[in-house]
């Protein structure tokens, strides 16, 4: 199981990377020796999960059938599509659904609004929990211990500066009693976002829905005025997911 865990760690690091990674960089980031990292990469290559160009490695084509199967069959994604479409039609803004994976969040569904965003955010993108409304709302009810773990993970992944502290993270989160998170110029410059958590039977939400807009076409009051619509959408999605694993 340790070998599997190490292989998945290398694979996850390739997913986070914005560009192909050299063997030495992967080994250093994952805290493994060069021979161990190379053996893992060769096995992942055999299964098409990793491709190599010259001396750099990247995600391979075998992930596409898995991604297609997920998008077509996952209850969360399938249930969310009509809900997100309705929110986008009513608000005219881009609406996105994120799910938590460890100490990160992943974009799993999105419907564009009338005003296109100024940056590309592809499905499957790994993003930090520490910035952006959709990430911060998932930490609103986190314990001190969990916030410490999130802080350490964000620093290790290079998502936050080495001097980043739990106190700084806590200051970014919504005040007690506030059921939404707001962000401006946090993850991307010139972008405003507001998000709510999708209710979860376990009591700890792992999904969030966010409205996002360029600063040229929306204001903070306008986005926050859409929070009731977001909450209704989150509640509807939670109802649709009853009886599934979510």
Protein backbone atom coordinates (compact mmCIF):
# COMPACT_ATOMS: atom_id res chain seq x y z
CA UNK A 1 0.00 0.00 0.00
CA UNK A 2 2.92 2.34 0.60
CA UNK A 3 4.00 1.96 -3.03
CA UNK A 4 0.49 2.78 -4.20
CA UNK A 5 0.34 5.79 -1.93
CA UNK A 6 3.66 7.08 -3.28
CA UNK A 7 2.55 6.57 -6.89
CA UNK A 8 -0.63 8.51 -6.28
CA UNK A 9 1.35 11.28 -4.62
CA UNK A 10 3.54 11.65 -7.72
CA UNK A 11 0.47 11.53 -9.94
CA UNK A 12 -1.25 14.23 -7.87
CA UNK A 13 1.81 16.47 -8.09
CA UNK A 14 1.74 16.20 -11.88
CA UNK A 15 -1.91 17.24 -11.78
CA UNK A 16 -1.05 20.36 -9.78
CA UNK A 17 1.79 21.38 -12.07
CA UNK A 18 1.15 24.09 -14.65
CA UNK A 19 3.79 22.60 -16.98
CA UNK A 20 5.73 19.33 -17.52
CA UNK A 21 7.95 18.43 -14.59
CA UNK A 22 11.54 17.20 -14.52
CA UNK A 23 12.40 14.07 -12.57
CA UNK A 24 14.52 15.98 -10.07
CA UNK A 25 11.73 18.49 -9.39
CA UNK A 26 9.17 15.75 -8.81
CA UNK A 27 11.50 13.86 -6.49
CA UNK A 28 12.21 16.97 -4.44
CA UNK A 29 8.57 18.05 -4.20
CA UNK A 30 7.37 14.58 -3.22
CA UNK A 31 10.26 13.98 -0.83
CA UNK A 32 11.44 10.83 -2.60
CA UNK A 33 14.74 9.63 -3.99
CA UNK A 34 15.43 9.89 -7.70
CA UNK A 35 15.43 6.09 -8.27
CA UNK A 36 12.11 5.67 -6.43
CA UNK A 37 10.48 8.52 -8.34
CA UNK A 38 11.76 7.16 -11.65
CA UNK A 39 10.40 3.67 -10.94
CA UNK A 40 6.99 5.15 -10.12
CA UNK A 41 6.96 7.25 -13.30
CA UNK A 42 7.84 4.24 -15.43
CA UNK A 43 4.95 2.23 -14.01
CA UNK A 44 2.55 5.14 -14.55
CA UNK A 45 3.85 5.42 -18.11
CA UNK A 46 3.13 1.74 -18.72
CA UNK A 47 -0.53 2.40 -17.91
CA UNK A 48 -0.71 5.62 -19.92
CA UNK A 49 -1.22 7.77 -16.85
CA UNK A 50 2.02 9.68 -17.50
CA UNK A 51 3.74 10.77 -20.71
CA UNK A 52 7.35 11.80 -21.20
CA UNK A 53 8.84 14.39 -23.54
CA UNK A 54 12.61 14.67 -23.50
CA UNK A 55 13.42 14.85 -19.78
CA UNK A 56 10.03 16.10 -18.57
CA UNK A 57 6.89 14.28 -17.45
CA UNK A 58 3.22 15.22 -17.74
CA UNK A 59 -0.22 13.65 -17.32
CA UNK A 60 -0.88 10.98 -19.96
CA UNK A 61 -3.86 10.22 -22.22
CA UNK A 62 -5.25 7.42 -20.05
CA UNK A 63 -6.82 10.00 -17.75
CA UNK A 64 -9.27 11.10 -20.46
CA UNK A 65 -11.49 7.99 -20.44
CA UNK A 66 -11.60 8.17 -16.63
CA UNK A 67 -12.53 11.86 -16.74
CA UNK A 68 -15.22 11.21 -19.34
CA UNK A 69 -16.72 8.42 -17.24
CA UNK A 70 -16.74 10.66 -14.17
CA UNK A 71 -18.43 13.58 -15.93
CA UNK A 72 -21.08 11.33 -17.48
CA UNK A 73 -21.87 9.14 -14.49
CA UNK A 74 -21.02 10.85 -11.22
CA UNK A 75 -24.24 11.68 -9.29
CA UNK A 76 -22.86 15.03 -8.14
CA UNK A 77 -22.04 16.26 -11.64
CA UNK A 78 -25.18 14.87 -13.27
CA UNK A 79 -27.48 16.33 -10.60
CA UNK A 80 -25.70 19.68 -10.60
CA UNK A 81 -25.98 20.52 -14.30
CA UNK A 82 -29.64 21.65 -14.38
CA UNK A 83 -29.25 23.42 -11.03
CA UNK A 84 -26.24 25.41 -12.24
CA UNK A 85 -27.93 26.21 -15.55
CA UNK A 86 -30.90 27.69 -13.72
CA UNK A 87 -28.70 29.86 -11.49
CA UNK A 88 -26.69 31.12 -14.47
CA UNK A 89 -29.88 31.96 -16.38
CA UNK A 90 -31.36 33.86 -13.43
CA UNK A 91 -28.24 35.79 -12.46
CA UNK A 92 -26.41 36.14 -15.77
CA UNK A 93 -23.21 35.18 -13.95
CA UNK A 94 -20.86 32.22 -14.21
CA UNK A 95 -21.73 29.55 -11.66
CA UNK A 96 -19.33 26.79 -10.62
CA UNK A 97 -19.43 23.68 -8.44
CA UNK A 98 -16.39 22.60 -6.46
CA UNK A 99 -15.73 19.46 -4.45
CA UNK A 100 -13.14 19.10 -1.75
CA UNK A 101 -10.30 16.64 -2.20
CA UNK A 102 -8.04 16.46 0.82
CA UNK A 103 -6.68 19.95 1.44
CA UNK A 104 -7.63 21.23 -2.01
CA UNK A 105 -10.76 21.79 -4.08
CA UNK A 106 -11.53 20.75 -7.64
CA UNK A 107 -13.79 22.38 -10.21
CA UNK A 108 -16.22 19.65 -11.30
CA UNK A 109 -18.92 21.62 -13.15
CA UNK A 110 -19.41 25.12 -14.53
CA UNK A 111 -22.00 27.05 -16.53
CA UNK A 112 -20.86 30.33 -18.05
CA UNK A 113 -22.89 33.49 -17.58
CA UNK A 114 -23.59 36.36 -19.94
CA UNK A 115 -20.32 38.06 -19.02
CA UNK A 116 -17.38 35.75 -19.77
CA UNK A 117 -14.52 35.49 -17.29
CA UNK A 118 -11.17 36.96 -18.22
CA UNK A 119 -9.27 33.76 -17.45
CA UNK A 120 -9.58 30.07 -18.25
CA UNK A 121 -10.41 27.69 -15.40
CA UNK A 122 -10.64 24.16 -16.77
CA UNK A 123 -12.63 21.36 -15.18
CA UNK A 124 -10.49 19.22 -12.92
CA UNK A 125 -8.22 22.07 -11.87
CA UNK A 126 -6.79 21.61 -8.38
CA UNK A 127 -7.13 24.80 -6.34
CA UNK A 128 -6.31 25.78 -2.75
CA UNK A 129 -8.87 25.99 0.01
CA UNK A 130 -7.16 29.04 1.48
CA UNK A 131 -8.11 31.54 -1.24
CA UNK A 132 -11.29 32.12 -3.21
CA UNK A 133 -14.83 32.16 -1.90
CA UNK A 134 -15.51 28.55 -2.92
CA UNK A 135 -12.57 27.29 -0.88
CA UNK A 136 -13.01 29.49 2.18
CA UNK A 137 -16.66 28.54 2.71
CA UNK A 138 -15.60 24.89 3.01
CA UNK A 139 -13.36 25.86 5.92
CA UNK A 140 -15.90 28.02 7.73
CA UNK A 141 -16.72 25.31 10.28
CA UNK A 142 -13.25 23.74 10.45
CA UNK A 143 -11.59 23.02 13.76
CA UNK A 144 -8.30 24.62 14.79
CA UNK A 145 -6.52 21.35 14.15
CA UNK A 146 -7.91 21.12 10.62
CA UNK A 147 -6.98 24.73 9.89
CA UNK A 148 -3.43 23.94 10.97
CA UNK A 149 -3.36 20.99 8.58
CA UNK A 150 -4.77 23.08 5.72
CA UNK A 151 -2.19 25.81 6.37
CA UNK A 152 0.70 23.34 6.36
CA UNK A 153 -0.57 21.63 3.20
CA UNK A 154 -0.97 24.95 1.35
CA UNK A 155 2.59 25.94 2.23
CA UNK A 156 3.94 22.53 1.19
CA UNK A 157 2.14 22.76 -2.15
CA UNK A 158 3.52 26.23 -2.81
CA UNK A 159 0.04 27.77 -2.69
CA UNK A 160 0.95 30.01 0.25
CA UNK A 161 4.15 31.68 1.43
CA UNK A 162 6.28 29.85 4.01
CA UNK A 163 5.31 32.54 6.55
CA UNK A 164 1.58 31.92 6.15
CA UNK A 165 -0.10 31.28 9.52
CA UNK A 166 -3.33 29.81 10.85
CA UNK A 167 -4.24 33.25 12.16
CA UNK A 168 -3.97 34.71 8.67
CA UNK A 169 -6.15 31.93 7.29
CA UNK A 170 -8.75 32.38 10.03
CA UNK A 171 -8.91 36.11 9.23
CA UNK A 172 -9.92 35.28 5.65
CA UNK A 173 -12.86 33.08 6.65
CA UNK A 174 -16.46 34.25 7.11
CA UNK A 175 -17.44 35.56 10.52
CA UNK A 176 -19.52 33.18 12.70
CA UNK A 177 -23.15 33.22 11.56
CA UNK A 178 -22.29 34.30 8.00
CA UNK A 179 -23.33 31.49 5.64
CA UNK A 180 -21.40 32.64 2.60
CA UNK A 181 -17.85 33.59 1.67
CA UNK A 182 -16.80 36.49 -0.52
CA UNK A 183 -13.55 37.13 -2.36
CA UNK A 184 -12.15 39.91 -4.54
CA UNK A 185 -8.83 39.72 -6.39
CA UNK A 186 -7.78 36.69 -4.34
CA UNK A 187 -7.12 33.83 -6.72
CA UNK A 188 -7.35 35.88 -9.92
CA UNK A 189 -6.99 39.63 -10.40
CA UNK A 190 -10.13 41.50 -11.40
CA UNK A 191 -12.50 38.75 -10.32
CA UNK A 192 -15.24 38.82 -7.68
CA UNK A 193 -16.84 35.70 -6.25
CA UNK A 194 -19.38 34.64 -3.64
CA UNK A 195 -19.99 31.05 -2.55
CA UNK A 196 -22.15 28.91 -0.29
CA UNK A 197 -21.67 25.35 0.91
CA UNK A 198 -23.88 22.50 -0.24
CA UNK A 199 -25.59 20.98 2.82
CA UNK A 200 -24.23 17.58 3.77
CA UNK A 201 -25.89 14.90 5.91
CA UNK A 202 -22.60 14.37 7.73
CA UNK A 203 -22.64 18.00 8.83
CA UNK A 204 -19.29 18.88 7.24
CA UNK A 205 -19.79 20.18 3.69
CA UNK A 206 -17.47 18.97 0.98
CA UNK A 207 -19.01 20.86 -1.97
CA UNK A 208 -19.61 24.53 -2.67
CA UNK A 209 -21.38 26.57 -5.34
CA UNK A 210 -19.90 29.90 -6.42
CA UNK A 211 -20.95 32.85 -8.54
CA UNK A 212 -18.07 34.59 -10.28
CA UNK A 213 -17.86 37.79 -12.29
CA UNK A 214 -15.30 40.23 -13.69
CA UNK A 215 -15.16 43.45 -11.69
CA UNK A 216 -16.34 45.37 -14.76
CA UNK A 217 -19.78 43.73 -14.76
CA UNK A 218 -20.62 43.20 -11.09
CA UNK A 219 -20.20 44.74 -7.64
CA UNK A 220 -19.84 43.31 -4.17
CA UNK A 221 -23.45 44.27 -3.20
CA UNK A 222 -24.80 42.72 -6.41
CA UNK A 223 -23.01 39.44 -5.82
CA UNK A 224 -24.06 39.26 -2.19
CA UNK A 225 -27.65 39.97 -3.21
CA UNK A 226 -27.55 36.68 -5.13
CA UNK A 227 -26.68 34.65 -2.02
CA UNK A 228 -30.32 33.60 -1.38
CA UNK A 229 -30.49 32.20 -4.92
CA UNK A 230 -27.22 30.33 -4.33
CA UNK A 231 -28.53 28.91 -1.06
CA UNK A 232 -31.70 27.69 -2.75
CA UNK A 233 -29.58 26.04 -5.45
CA UNK A 234 -27.35 24.40 -2.85
CA UNK A 235 -30.39 23.09 -0.99
CA UNK A 236 -31.91 21.76 -4.21
CA UNK A 237 -28.68 19.97 -5.10
CA UNK A 238 -28.52 18.43 -1.63
CA UNK A 239 -32.07 17.10 -2.11
CA UNK A 240 -31.19 15.59 -5.47
CA UNK A 241 -28.19 13.86 -3.95
CA UNK A 242 -30.15 12.15 -1.18
CA UNK A 243 -29.68 8.42 -1.40
CA UNK A 244 -26.28 8.74 -3.10
CA UNK A 245 -22.86 8.60 -1.45
CA UNK A 246 -22.77 12.39 -1.12
